[in-house]
Protein backbone atom coordinates (compact mmCIF):
# COMPACT_ATOMS: atom_id res chain seq x y z
CA ASN A 1 3.68 22.49 -21.48
CA ALA A 2 7.03 22.36 -19.68
CA GLY A 3 6.01 19.45 -17.44
CA ASP A 4 5.12 17.26 -20.42
CA ALA A 5 8.39 18.09 -22.17
CA ARG A 6 10.32 17.21 -19.02
CA GLU A 7 8.49 13.86 -18.71
CA ALA A 8 9.28 13.08 -22.36
CA ARG A 9 12.99 13.82 -21.80
CA ILE A 10 13.03 11.61 -18.69
CA ALA A 11 11.38 8.76 -20.62
CA GLN A 12 14.01 9.12 -23.39
CA ALA A 13 16.82 9.02 -20.82
CA TYR A 14 15.37 5.84 -19.29
CA GLU A 15 15.30 4.19 -22.72
CA VAL A 16 18.99 4.97 -23.24
CA LEU A 17 20.17 4.09 -19.72
CA GLU A 18 18.17 0.91 -19.22
CA GLN A 19 19.63 -0.99 -22.17
CA GLY A 20 21.43 -4.21 -21.23
CA VAL A 21 20.76 -3.84 -17.49
CA GLU A 22 20.95 -7.03 -15.44
CA ILE A 23 19.20 -7.04 -12.07
CA LEU A 24 21.48 -8.46 -9.38
CA GLY A 25 19.05 -8.29 -6.46
CA GLY A 26 15.87 -6.83 -5.13
CA THR A 27 14.33 -5.67 -1.90
CA ALA A 28 10.95 -4.86 -0.42
CA ILE A 29 9.75 -2.65 2.38
CA GLU A 30 6.78 -3.46 4.56
CA ASP A 31 4.76 -0.53 5.84
CA ARG A 32 3.69 -1.67 9.26
CA LEU A 33 0.51 -0.47 10.88
CA GLN A 34 0.83 2.04 13.66
CA GLU A 35 0.59 0.63 17.16
CA GLY A 36 -3.00 0.19 18.33
CA VAL A 37 -4.67 0.16 14.90
CA PRO A 38 -6.13 -3.36 15.20
CA GLN A 39 -7.48 -2.55 18.67
CA ALA A 40 -8.97 0.74 17.46
CA MET A 41 -10.67 -1.06 14.58
CA GLY A 42 -12.17 -3.51 17.10
CA TYR A 43 -13.46 -0.64 19.24
CA LEU A 44 -15.08 0.98 16.21
CA ARG A 45 -16.74 -2.31 15.24
CA GLU A 46 -18.00 -2.83 18.81
CA ALA A 47 -19.48 0.68 18.74
CA GLY A 48 -21.35 -0.17 15.55
CA ILE A 49 -19.36 2.29 13.46
CA LYS A 50 -18.88 1.28 9.83
CA VAL A 51 -15.32 1.66 8.56
CA TRP A 52 -14.41 1.83 4.89
CA MET A 53 -10.91 1.43 3.52
CA VAL A 54 -10.02 3.47 0.43
CA THR A 55 -6.67 2.62 -1.12
CA GLY A 56 -4.70 2.77 -4.33
CA ASP A 57 -2.93 -0.49 -3.49
CA LYS A 58 -3.28 -3.71 -5.43
CA LEU A 59 -6.21 -5.85 -4.29
CA SER A 60 -3.92 -8.43 -2.64
CA THR A 61 -2.12 -5.69 -0.66
CA ALA A 62 -5.41 -4.09 0.37
CA LYS A 63 -6.71 -7.46 1.61
CA GLN A 64 -3.60 -8.02 3.74
CA VAL A 65 -3.88 -4.53 5.26
CA ALA A 66 -7.58 -5.11 5.99
CA ILE A 67 -6.77 -8.41 7.71
CA SER A 68 -3.83 -7.11 9.74
CA SER A 69 -5.74 -3.99 10.81
CA GLY A 70 -8.72 -6.01 11.96
CA LEU A 71 -11.04 -4.45 9.38
CA PHE A 72 -12.20 -7.92 8.33
CA ALA A 73 -14.20 -9.29 11.28
CA GLY A 74 -12.54 -12.27 12.90
CA HIS A 75 -9.01 -11.25 11.88
CA GLY A 76 -6.81 -9.40 14.35
CA GLY A 77 -7.84 -6.51 16.55
CA ARG A 78 -10.35 -6.89 19.35
CA GLN A 79 -12.93 -9.61 18.75
């Protein structure tokens, strides 16, 4: 199909362009939680509502989000 052919051409271009590349720097972006998320998670916990987090992030990232959002009891949010 056309999508597969396009992906193959892109992969070939990467192989040609990425030869001899030297990385000079790097950067990262932190996605911050929206205001009030930890408090809202605390309210849900106090109301006895179970909250599940579904994510495609790496386990370490998911753990940090769960802690900062207050999903893990005793970490952030309302106690």
